[in-house]
Amino acid sequence: MTQQPIETIAVIGGGTAGWMAAAALARKLRDTVRITLVESAEIGTVGVGEATIPPIVDFNNFLGLDEDAFVRATQASFKLGIELRDWGALGDRYLHPFGRYGLDFDDTPFHQHWLRQRTLGDPGPLDQYCLPAVAARAGKFFRPVKDPRNILSMLAHAFHFDAALYAAFLRAYAEERGVVRREGRIIEVVQRPLDGFIEGVRLESGEVVEAELFIDCTGFRGVLIEQTLEAGFEDWTHWLPCDRAVAVASENVGEPEPYTRSTARTAGWQWRIPLQHRTGNGYVHCSRFISEDEATADLLAALDGEAVAEPRTLRFTTGRRRRSWIKNCVALGLASGFLEPLESTSIHMIQSGLFRLLALFPDRAFDPALTDEYNRRTATEYARLRDFVILHYHATTRSDSPLWDHVRTMEVPETLQHKLALFRGQGRFLREDEELFSETSWVAVMLGQGIEPRGFDPVAAAHDPDAIRRRMERFRDVVAHAAAEMPTHQAFIDRYCKAPPV
């Protein structure tokens, strides 16, 4: 068998996606491949992905990053979940926590016992049985421990950080490991006449950067994957009609909460992301129902602190490329697709795409079976994430504006209809293979937005209700005590990873 190993890779585009790709490839492939990254300082980056989800910890660990150093370098704070306000109905407020609810008894999900106990009395809010949720509400934080006998092992965390600083941090990491950066704007993509494979990109300077594998990180433009290779785009606007975001940074007011906040507005929703040096804010909205000027005014009026920069507008279409890998080009980040950052999945999709590429890494033969498998898995992941985001909009009783009337009454994908039917019946959720969001996430959003099961898993009724009640009460007390003993979020940052003054 003759191997044809890839020896050169070109990452086209910088920003978070480009430098994550360069860093991960340099870490995994070490000295066997020459990696070049091409970016132009004249082309700005989107930079809305400042909130993350727990898998980012795995990515940083894969790179071997020191977490405290990373937090300091990126002005980061910690995240235990996301608080959602006014989504199910005006005045509603709930938390989508990281981690899990309670302890499963005899392999029966904890929330099933909670549903049963609720028919017998008041077991208290489900959040009281989730350490990350209780800690987040109290403004507390601590890192999880590995000992499963310790209640702190049930913690899970992510970060809020400055995406530009993260890209710079990863750039330094990648360049230390041999990645070479080329500055310049692309004026031509050079293809092989015989089969259309990309041979190189020509820069304004006349230089041609050649490679055997190309990673397209050129954002919405998709210079390689779309403009050159014509991947096609699957538009999901009929389910997710928001197509604009106004973003602005503001001064911090008080200590940073260890969670992201999402507040549903008349024509979309507003994010609030607390960092050490500032707070990130944005209004994701639908241009059919509100103008950019009105959205900007609404956002500025709702800030907790004074704006420290001029608002900027991002225009997008929600959906994905029909193929993210074509010939010798793999698209990552916004070049591959876009889901609004409601559940902080943008950076995760870069990460999962990279790990998928490394698991299916080709040689110069570019076996079509690898390409097909990559595209199949990518399409599946996007569809499952799409359904989770649609759930937030569709599971509402709001009728106070045209947007909410539309999403409340629209027909949702069959895959989401199936999940809703299972949960409405007996509170069931069956996680599919490699599905990102867990039972905790789906249960949190469905219950948080008023989807009430008609019953519960009959297996839960096989347990003595008094014994279950006592176990639940003991666990709730342990959670409350553990949260009370944790330091505040700010105190933890001050002790371990406070960033130098800006």
Protein backbone atom coordinates (compact mmCIF):
# COMPACT_ATOMS: atom_id res chain seq x y z
CA MET A 1 0.00 0.00 0.00
CA THR A 2 1.41 3.39 -1.02
CA GLN A 3 0.81 6.32 1.32
CA GLN A 4 0.68 9.88 0.01
CA PRO A 5 0.84 11.96 3.20
CA ILE A 6 -0.15 15.59 3.09
CA GLU A 7 2.88 17.81 3.66
CA THR A 8 1.44 21.34 3.24
CA ILE A 9 -1.71 22.99 4.61
CA ALA A 10 -2.93 26.53 3.99
CA VAL A 11 -5.44 28.10 6.38
CA ILE A 12 -7.15 30.92 4.51
CA GLY A 13 -8.45 33.54 6.90
CA GLY A 14 -7.54 34.40 10.47
CA GLY A 15 -9.76 35.38 13.35
CA THR A 16 -10.99 32.81 15.83
CA ALA A 17 -11.63 30.07 13.24
CA GLY A 18 -8.31 30.49 11.43
CA TRP A 19 -6.12 30.51 14.48
CA MET A 20 -8.04 27.69 16.19
CA ALA A 21 -7.43 25.64 13.04
CA ALA A 22 -3.75 26.57 12.85
CA ALA A 23 -3.20 25.82 16.53
CA ALA A 24 -5.01 22.47 16.49
CA LEU A 25 -3.33 21.27 13.30
CA ALA A 26 0.09 22.32 14.57
CA ARG A 27 -0.53 20.53 17.85
CA LYS A 28 -1.73 17.29 16.26
CA LEU A 29 0.49 17.06 13.19
CA ARG A 30 3.61 18.52 14.84
CA ASP A 31 6.56 18.71 12.44
CA THR A 32 5.16 16.46 9.72
CA VAL A 33 3.26 19.22 7.89
CA ARG A 34 4.10 22.81 6.94
CA ILE A 35 1.20 25.10 7.85
CA THR A 36 0.70 28.59 6.42
CA LEU A 37 -2.06 30.96 7.48
CA VAL A 38 -3.10 33.76 5.12
CA GLU A 39 -5.01 36.75 6.44
CA SER A 40 -5.41 40.42 5.70
CA ALA A 41 -5.40 43.04 8.40
CA GLU A 42 -7.75 45.06 6.18
CA ILE A 43 -10.52 42.47 6.57
CA GLY A 44 -12.22 42.64 9.95
CA THR A 45 -13.50 39.66 11.89
CA VAL A 46 -17.05 39.17 13.15
CA GLY A 47 -16.08 38.67 16.78
CA VAL A 48 -19.54 37.95 18.23
CA GLY A 49 -18.56 34.58 19.69
CA GLU A 50 -17.52 35.66 23.13
CA ALA A 51 -19.60 33.11 25.03
CA THR A 52 -18.77 29.42 24.90
CA ILE A 53 -19.99 26.04 26.13
CA PRO A 54 -18.11 23.37 28.15
CA PRO A 55 -16.43 21.54 25.23
CA ILE A 56 -14.11 24.56 24.86
CA VAL A 57 -12.37 23.21 27.98
CA ASP A 58 -11.59 20.03 26.04
CA PHE A 59 -10.18 22.05 23.15
CA ASN A 60 -7.93 24.11 25.42
CA ASN A 61 -6.80 20.94 27.18
CA PHE A 62 -6.08 19.33 23.80
CA LEU A 63 -3.74 22.24 23.08
CA GLY A 64 -2.21 21.92 26.55
CA LEU A 65 -3.12 25.46 27.56
CA ASP A 66 -2.81 26.64 31.14
CA GLU A 67 -6.33 27.72 32.00
CA ASP A 68 -5.36 30.56 34.31
CA ALA A 69 -2.95 31.99 31.71
CA PHE A 70 -5.62 31.70 29.04
CA VAL A 71 -8.21 33.45 31.22
CA ARG A 72 -5.84 36.31 32.00
CA ALA A 73 -4.78 36.73 28.37
CA THR A 74 -8.35 36.88 27.04
CA GLN A 75 -9.94 38.98 29.84
CA ALA A 76 -12.17 35.98 30.41
CA SER A 77 -14.75 35.21 33.06
CA PHE A 78 -16.38 31.87 33.81
CA LYS A 79 -19.76 30.58 32.68
CA LEU A 80 -21.98 28.03 34.43
CA GLY A 81 -24.96 28.38 32.11
CA ILE A 82 -27.25 30.83 30.37
CA GLU A 83 -30.15 32.72 31.86
CA LEU A 84 -33.12 33.22 29.54
CA ARG A 85 -35.65 35.95 30.21
CA ASP A 86 -39.04 36.56 28.61
CA TRP A 87 -38.79 33.64 26.19
CA GLY A 88 -41.73 31.44 27.16
CA ALA A 89 -43.79 34.43 28.28
CA LEU A 90 -43.14 38.00 29.34
CA GLY A 91 -41.86 37.95 32.91
CA ASP A 92 -40.53 34.38 32.71
CA ARG A 93 -36.97 33.69 33.78
CA TYR A 94 -35.10 30.41 33.87
CA LEU A 95 -31.57 29.02 33.73
CA HIS A 96 -30.12 26.56 31.24
CA PRO A 97 -27.31 25.18 33.43
CA PHE A 98 -24.21 23.23 32.55
CA GLY A 99 -23.77 19.99 34.45
CA ARG A 100 -26.74 17.84 35.36
CA TYR A 101 -29.82 17.60 37.54
CA GLY A 102 -29.60 15.40 40.60
CA LEU A 103 -28.55 11.79 40.63
CA ASP A 104 -30.19 9.11 38.51
CA PHE A 105 -31.74 6.29 40.55
CA ASP A 106 -31.56 2.84 38.91
CA ASP A 107 -30.82 4.44 35.52
CA THR A 108 -34.04 6.45 35.61
CA PRO A 109 -33.34 10.12 34.80
CA PHE A 110 -33.57 12.35 37.84
CA HIS A 111 -36.14 14.70 36.32
CA GLN A 112 -38.54 11.73 36.02
CA HIS A 113 -38.45 11.26 39.80
CA TRP A 114 -38.90 15.01 40.20
CA LEU A 115 -41.96 14.91 37.91
CA ARG A 116 -43.43 12.06 39.92
CA GLN A 117 -42.76 13.75 43.28
CA ARG A 118 -44.45 16.86 41.95
CA THR A 119 -47.68 14.89 41.60
CA LEU A 120 -47.38 14.00 45.31
CA GLY A 121 -46.43 17.41 46.65
CA ASP A 122 -43.95 20.23 46.01
CA PRO A 123 -40.35 19.02 45.58
CA GLY A 124 -39.17 22.58 44.92
CA PRO A 125 -37.71 23.96 41.67
CA LEU A 126 -35.68 21.52 39.59
CA ASP A 127 -32.77 24.00 39.66
CA GLN A 128 -32.30 23.35 43.37
CA TYR A 129 -30.97 19.90 42.48
CA CYS A 130 -28.30 21.24 40.09
CA LEU A 131 -25.09 22.60 41.60
CA PRO A 132 -24.12 24.78 38.59
CA ALA A 133 -27.58 26.36 38.62
CA VAL A 134 -27.54 27.12 42.36
CA ALA A 135 -23.98 28.44 42.19
CA ALA A 136 -24.76 30.62 39.16
CA ARG A 137 -27.76 32.20 40.86
CA ALA A 138 -25.62 32.93 43.92
CA GLY A 139 -22.78 34.42 41.88
CA LYS A 140 -20.41 31.65 42.98
CA PHE A 141 -17.78 29.71 41.07
CA PHE A 142 -15.31 26.87 41.50
CA ARG A 143 -13.69 24.49 39.08
CA PRO A 144 -14.93 20.89 38.98
CA VAL A 145 -12.93 18.19 40.73
CA LYS A 146 -12.27 14.73 39.29
CA ASP A 147 -13.32 12.64 42.30
CA PRO A 148 -16.89 11.45 41.49
CA ARG A 149 -17.60 11.10 45.22
CA ASN A 150 -17.25 14.88 45.59
CA ILE A 151 -20.30 17.01 44.78
CA LEU A 152 -17.95 19.47 43.03
CA SER A 153 -17.42 16.85 40.31
CA MET A 154 -20.93 17.77 39.09
CA LEU A 155 -19.78 21.23 38.05
CA ALA A 156 -19.13 22.03 34.40
CA HIS A 157 -17.98 25.37 33.06
CA ALA A 158 -17.15 27.38 29.98
CA PHE A 159 -15.95 30.94 29.44
CA HIS A 160 -16.83 34.42 28.31
CA PHE A 161 -13.82 35.92 26.55
CA ASP A 162 -12.69 38.52 24.06
CA ALA A 163 -12.63 36.66 20.74
CA ALA A 164 -9.94 38.94 19.29
CA LEU A 165 -7.69 38.30 22.28
CA TYR A 166 -8.32 34.56 22.00
CA ALA A 167 -7.28 34.64 18.34
CA ALA A 168 -4.11 36.54 19.28
CA PHE A 169 -3.38 34.05 22.08
CA LEU A 170 -3.74 31.13 19.67
CA ARG A 171 -1.66 32.91 17.04
CA ALA A 172 1.26 33.08 19.44
CA TYR A 173 0.74 29.40 20.28
CA ALA A 174 0.63 28.38 16.61
CA GLU A 175 3.61 30.46 15.53
CA GLU A 176 5.69 28.97 18.34
CA ARG A 177 4.95 25.60 16.73
CA GLY A 178 6.01 26.60 13.24
CA VAL A 179 2.89 28.07 11.65
CA VAL A 180 3.85 30.83 9.19
CA ARG A 181 1.55 33.81 8.72
CA ARG A 182 1.23 35.56 5.35
CA GLU A 183 -0.32 39.01 5.22
CA GLY A 184 -2.33 39.81 2.12
CA ARG A 185 -5.66 40.01 0.37
CA ILE A 186 -6.58 37.15 -1.99
CA ILE A 187 -7.22 38.21 -5.59
CA GLU A 188 -7.39 34.77 -7.23
CA VAL A 189 -7.92 31.14 -6.32
CA VAL A 190 -5.83 28.89 -8.57
CA GLN A 191 -7.36 25.51 -9.47
CA ARG A 192 -5.99 22.43 -11.22
CA PRO A 193 -7.41 22.38 -14.75
CA LEU A 194 -7.98 18.62 -14.72
CA ASP A 195 -10.16 18.19 -11.62
CA GLY A 196 -10.72 21.60 -10.04
CA PHE A 197 -8.69 20.91 -6.91
CA ILE A 198 -7.27 24.10 -5.41
CA GLU A 199 -3.57 24.56 -6.05
CA GLY A 200 -3.02 27.92 -4.41
CA VAL A 201 -4.24 31.44 -3.66
CA ARG A 202 -2.72 34.50 -5.30
CA LEU A 203 -2.25 37.59 -3.12
CA GLU A 204 -2.25 41.23 -4.15
CA SER A 205 1.52 41.19 -3.86
CA GLY A 206 1.66 38.58 -6.62
CA GLU A 207 2.77 35.82 -4.22
CA VAL A 208 1.02 32.47 -4.66
CA VAL A 209 0.56 30.40 -1.50
CA GLU A 210 0.37 26.76 -2.51
CA ALA A 211 -0.75 23.77 -0.46
CA GLU A 212 -2.22 20.29 -0.71
CA LEU A 213 -5.04 20.89 1.80
CA PHE A 214 -6.89 24.20 2.23
CA ILE A 215 -8.92 25.26 5.27
CA ASP A 216 -11.45 27.97 4.39
CA CYS A 217 -11.89 30.36 7.32
CA THR A 218 -12.97 33.37 5.24
CA GLY A 219 -16.25 33.90 7.07
CA PHE A 220 -19.60 34.42 5.40
CA ARG A 221 -17.90 35.08 2.04
CA GLY A 222 -16.70 31.48 1.76
CA VAL A 223 -14.04 32.53 -0.74
CA LEU A 224 -12.93 28.95 -1.39
CA ILE A 225 -15.87 26.74 -0.46
CA GLU A 226 -18.61 28.87 -2.04
CA GLN A 227 -17.18 31.46 -4.43
CA THR A 228 -14.79 28.95 -5.98
CA LEU A 229 -16.17 25.46 -5.37
CA GLU A 230 -19.89 26.40 -5.30
CA ALA A 231 -20.93 24.34 -2.28
CA GLY A 232 -24.45 25.72 -2.20
CA PHE A 233 -26.32 26.93 0.89
CA GLU A 234 -29.27 25.50 2.82
CA ASP A 235 -31.28 28.48 4.05
CA TRP A 236 -33.12 28.11 7.41
CA THR A 237 -34.63 31.60 7.52
CA HIS A 238 -38.18 30.18 7.45
CA TRP A 239 -37.51 28.69 10.90
CA LEU A 240 -34.99 31.23 12.22
CA PRO A 241 -35.99 34.57 10.68
CA CYS A 242 -33.51 36.80 12.53
CA ASP A 243 -30.96 38.14 10.03
CA ARG A 244 -29.21 41.04 11.78
CA ALA A 245 -27.24 41.65 14.97
CA VAL A 246 -26.19 44.98 16.46
CA ALA A 247 -23.24 44.61 18.84
CA VAL A 248 -21.62 47.04 21.28
CA ALA A 249 -19.34 46.84 24.31
CA SER A 250 -20.21 48.61 27.56
CA GLU A 251 -18.64 49.37 30.90
CA ASN A 252 -18.96 46.78 33.63
CA VAL A 253 -21.50 47.46 36.33
CA GLY A 254 -20.90 45.41 39.47
CA GLU A 255 -19.21 42.02 39.62
CA PRO A 256 -19.54 39.73 36.59
CA GLU A 257 -22.16 37.01 36.84
CA PRO A 258 -20.97 33.47 36.04
CA TYR A 259 -23.54 33.10 33.28
CA THR A 260 -24.64 34.59 29.96
CA ARG A 261 -27.93 36.42 29.83
CA SER A 262 -30.35 36.26 26.90
CA THR A 263 -33.44 38.46 26.99
CA ALA A 264 -36.17 38.05 24.38
CA ARG A 265 -37.17 41.36 22.80
CA THR A 266 -40.02 42.39 20.52
CA ALA A 267 -38.16 41.54 17.31
CA GLY A 268 -35.44 39.17 18.53
CA TRP A 269 -33.26 38.83 21.60
CA GLN A 270 -30.44 40.60 23.43
CA TRP A 271 -27.25 39.03 24.75
CA ARG A 272 -25.21 40.18 27.74
CA ILE A 273 -21.75 38.66 28.21
CA PRO A 274 -19.66 39.85 31.20
CA LEU A 275 -15.88 39.86 30.77
CA GLN A 276 -13.25 41.11 33.19
CA HIS A 277 -12.67 44.43 31.39
CA ARG A 278 -16.03 45.09 29.74
CA THR A 279 -19.45 43.65 28.95
CA GLY A 280 -20.41 42.43 25.49
CA ASN A 281 -23.94 43.23 24.33
CA GLY A 282 -25.91 42.60 21.17
CA TYR A 283 -29.40 42.58 19.74
CA VAL A 284 -30.13 39.74 17.31
CA HIS A 285 -33.21 40.77 15.35
CA CYS A 286 -35.30 40.29 12.24
CA SER A 287 -35.10 43.12 9.71
CA ARG A 288 -38.68 42.39 8.59
CA PHE A 289 -39.97 43.59 11.95
CA ILE A 290 -37.53 46.28 13.08
CA SER A 291 -35.08 48.65 11.39
CA GLU A 292 -31.36 48.71 12.18
CA ASP A 293 -31.70 52.20 13.65
CA GLU A 294 -34.54 51.09 15.93
CA ALA A 295 -32.67 47.96 16.99
CA THR A 296 -29.56 50.01 17.78
CA ALA A 297 -31.58 52.49 19.83
CA ASP A 298 -33.31 49.68 21.73
CA LEU A 299 -29.98 48.02 22.49
CA LEU A 300 -28.31 51.20 23.73
CA ALA A 301 -31.32 52.00 25.92
CA ALA A 302 -31.15 48.55 27.55
CA LEU A 303 -27.43 48.55 28.47
CA ASP A 304 -26.46 48.24 32.14
CA GLY A 305 -23.40 50.47 31.69
CA GLU A 306 -22.20 53.18 29.31
CA ALA A 307 -21.27 52.08 25.79
CA VAL A 308 -17.50 52.17 25.21
CA ALA A 309 -17.54 51.83 21.42
CA GLU A 310 -19.72 52.56 18.44
CA PRO A 311 -22.37 49.93 17.71
CA ARG A 312 -21.76 47.81 14.61
CA THR A 313 -24.17 45.73 12.60
CA LEU A 314 -23.69 42.20 11.35
CA ARG A 315 -25.89 40.82 8.56
CA PHE A 316 -26.32 37.08 8.17
CA THR A 317 -28.48 34.28 6.82
CA THR A 318 -29.01 31.33 9.11
CA GLY A 319 -28.19 28.00 7.53
CA ARG A 320 -25.26 25.88 6.37
CA ARG A 321 -23.23 25.02 3.31
CA ARG A 322 -24.63 21.94 1.60
CA ARG A 323 -21.10 20.55 1.68
CA SER A 324 -18.38 21.73 4.04
CA TRP A 325 -15.67 19.59 2.47
CA ILE A 326 -15.21 19.63 -1.31
CA LYS A 327 -12.16 18.22 -3.09
CA ASN A 328 -9.15 19.44 -1.01
CA CYS A 329 -10.97 22.26 0.81
CA VAL A 330 -12.61 22.11 4.24
CA ALA A 331 -14.68 25.06 5.49
CA LEU A 332 -14.75 25.98 9.17
CA GLY A 333 -16.60 28.58 11.18
CA LEU A 334 -18.81 31.04 9.34
CA ALA A 335 -17.53 29.74 6.01
CA SER A 336 -19.31 26.47 6.86
CA GLY A 337 -22.56 27.81 8.27
CA PHE A 338 -24.20 30.09 10.81
CA LEU A 339 -26.56 29.62 13.72
CA GLU A 340 -27.32 32.70 15.76
CA PRO A 341 -25.32 32.69 19.02
CA LEU A 342 -28.30 31.99 21.28
CA GLU A 343 -26.69 28.90 22.80
CA SER A 344 -23.06 29.91 22.16
CA THR A 345 -22.42 27.24 19.53
CA SER A 346 -20.38 29.26 17.00
CA ILE A 347 -16.96 28.57 18.47
CA HIS A 348 -17.98 25.00 19.27
CA MET A 349 -18.73 24.34 15.59
CA ILE A 350 -15.19 25.38 14.71
CA GLN A 351 -13.87 23.01 17.36
CA SER A 352 -16.06 20.07 16.35
CA GLY A 353 -15.21 20.59 12.68
CA LEU A 354 -11.52 20.48 13.52
CA PHE A 355 -11.79 17.33 15.61
CA ARG A 356 -13.89 15.73 12.86
CA LEU A 357 -11.24 16.64 10.29
CA LEU A 358 -8.47 15.20 12.45
CA ALA A 359 -10.45 11.99 12.91
CA LEU A 360 -10.93 11.70 9.13
CA PHE A 361 -7.64 13.28 8.08
CA PRO A 362 -6.90 12.51 4.43
CA ASP A 363 -3.82 11.84 2.39
CA ARG A 364 -3.29 13.35 -1.04
CA ALA A 365 -5.64 10.80 -2.60
CA PHE A 366 -8.57 12.49 -0.79
CA ASP A 367 -10.69 9.35 -0.50
CA PRO A 368 -14.30 10.41 -1.28
CA ALA A 369 -15.53 8.17 1.54
CA LEU A 370 -13.80 10.46 4.05
CA THR A 371 -15.29 13.55 2.47
CA ASP A 372 -18.78 12.05 2.42
CA GLU A 373 -18.56 10.97 6.06
CA TYR A 374 -17.33 14.40 7.14
CA ASN A 375 -20.19 16.12 5.32
CA ARG A 376 -22.75 13.66 6.68
CA ARG A 377 -21.67 14.19 10.27
CA THR A 378 -21.45 17.95 9.83
CA ALA A 379 -24.94 18.13 8.36
CA THR A 380 -26.32 16.03 11.21
CA GLU A 381 -24.71 18.20 13.86
CA TYR A 382 -25.96 21.42 12.30
CA ALA A 383 -29.50 20.02 12.06
CA ARG A 384 -29.57 18.98 15.72
CA LEU A 385 -28.25 22.36 16.85
CA ARG A 386 -30.75 24.07 14.57
CA ASP A 387 -33.60 22.19 16.24
CA PHE A 388 -32.40 23.19 19.71
CA VAL A 389 -32.32 26.87 18.74
CA ILE A 390 -35.73 26.65 17.04
CA LEU A 391 -37.14 25.15 20.27
CA HIS A 392 -36.43 28.43 22.11
CA TYR A 393 -38.50 30.42 19.63
CA HIS A 394 -41.32 27.94 19.08
CA ALA A 395 -41.96 27.04 22.74
CA THR A 396 -43.60 30.34 23.65
CA THR A 397 -46.99 31.76 24.48
CA ARG A 398 -45.97 35.26 23.42
CA SER A 399 -48.26 36.98 20.93
CA ASP A 400 -47.18 40.59 21.48
CA SER A 401 -45.42 41.09 18.15
CA PRO A 402 -45.33 39.70 14.57
CA LEU A 403 -42.08 37.81 15.22
CA TRP A 404 -43.49 35.85 18.15
CA ASP A 405 -46.74 35.18 16.32
CA HIS A 406 -44.73 33.72 13.45
CA VAL A 407 -42.41 31.44 15.43
CA ARG A 408 -45.13 30.27 17.83
CA THR A 409 -47.41 29.11 15.02
CA MET A 410 -44.88 27.91 12.42
CA GLU A 411 -44.43 24.25 11.56
CA VAL A 412 -41.09 23.04 12.91
CA PRO A 413 -38.82 20.29 11.50
CA GLU A 414 -40.06 16.72 11.96
CA THR A 415 -37.01 15.90 14.06
CA LEU A 416 -38.00 18.58 16.56
CA GLN A 417 -41.66 17.56 16.43
CA HIS A 418 -40.58 14.06 17.49
CA LYS A 419 -38.62 15.36 20.49
CA LEU A 420 -41.53 17.56 21.56
CA ALA A 421 -44.01 14.69 21.30
CA LEU A 422 -41.84 12.41 23.46
CA PHE A 423 -41.43 15.08 26.12
CA ARG A 424 -45.06 16.20 26.17
CA GLY A 425 -46.14 12.62 26.74
CA GLN A 426 -44.04 11.38 29.66
CA GLY A 427 -41.16 13.83 29.90
CA ARG A 428 -38.86 11.62 27.86
CA PHE A 429 -35.72 12.69 26.06
CA LEU A 430 -33.59 10.21 24.15
CA ARG A 431 -30.19 11.59 23.25
CA GLU A 432 -28.99 10.61 19.80
CA ASP A 433 -25.40 9.55 19.14
CA GLU A 434 -22.91 12.45 19.39
CA GLU A 435 -25.71 14.95 20.01
CA LEU A 436 -24.15 18.04 21.60
CA PHE A 437 -26.83 19.17 24.02
CA SER A 438 -27.68 16.73 26.77
CA GLU A 439 -30.88 15.76 28.51
CA THR A 440 -30.27 18.54 31.05
CA SER A 441 -30.24 21.16 28.30
CA TRP A 442 -33.41 20.01 26.57
CA VAL A 443 -35.28 19.51 29.85
CA ALA A 444 -34.20 22.95 31.08
CA VAL A 445 -35.51 24.73 27.99
CA MET A 446 -38.72 22.72 27.64
CA LEU A 447 -39.75 23.08 31.28
CA GLY A 448 -38.39 26.61 31.44
CA GLN A 449 -40.62 27.65 28.55
CA GLY A 450 -43.76 25.99 29.76
CA ILE A 451 -43.84 22.60 28.03
CA GLU A 452 -45.41 20.43 30.70
CA PRO A 453 -45.42 16.62 30.31
CA ARG A 454 -48.76 14.93 30.75
CA GLY A 455 -47.13 12.21 32.83
CA PHE A 456 -43.82 10.65 33.79
CA ASP A 457 -41.85 7.48 33.10
CA PRO A 458 -43.81 4.62 34.73
CA VAL A 459 -40.53 3.07 35.87
CA ALA A 460 -40.16 5.94 38.34
CA ALA A 461 -43.31 4.72 40.10
CA ALA A 462 -41.56 1.46 40.99
CA HIS A 463 -39.64 3.29 43.74
CA ASP A 464 -40.95 4.01 47.22
CA PRO A 465 -41.97 7.70 47.05
CA ASP A 466 -40.96 8.44 50.64
CA ALA A 467 -37.48 7.00 50.09
CA ILE A 468 -37.07 9.03 46.90
CA ARG A 469 -38.29 12.17 48.66
CA ARG A 470 -35.73 11.73 51.43
CA ARG A 471 -32.90 11.12 48.95
CA MET A 472 -33.90 14.18 46.97
CA GLU A 473 -34.03 16.33 50.09
CA ARG A 474 -30.59 15.16 51.20
CA PHE A 475 -29.15 15.87 47.78
CA ARG A 476 -30.74 19.32 47.66
CA ASP A 477 -29.17 20.11 51.04
CA VAL A 478 -25.74 18.95 49.84
CA VAL A 479 -26.04 21.16 46.76
CA ALA A 480 -27.06 24.19 48.81
CA HIS A 481 -24.19 23.67 51.26
CA ALA A 482 -21.62 23.20 48.50
CA ALA A 483 -22.74 26.37 46.73
CA ALA A 484 -22.65 28.34 49.98
CA GLU A 485 -19.05 27.25 50.58
CA MET A 486 -17.83 28.24 47.12
CA PRO A 487 -16.10 31.61 46.62
CA THR A 488 -17.81 34.31 44.63
CA HIS A 489 -17.07 34.40 40.93
CA GLN A 490 -15.10 37.64 41.33
CA ALA A 491 -13.15 36.31 44.32
CA PHE A 492 -12.14 33.22 42.35
CA ILE A 493 -10.94 35.36 39.45
CA ASP A 494 -9.07 37.71 41.80
CA ARG A 495 -7.27 34.81 43.44
CA TYR A 496 -6.33 32.69 40.41
CA CYS A 497 -6.57 34.48 37.09
CA LYS A 498 -7.18 38.22 37.26
CA ALA A 499 -6.14 39.96 34.04
CA PRO A 500 -3.82 42.98 34.19
CA PRO A 501 -5.54 46.37 33.82
CA VAL A 502 -6.32 47.38 30.24
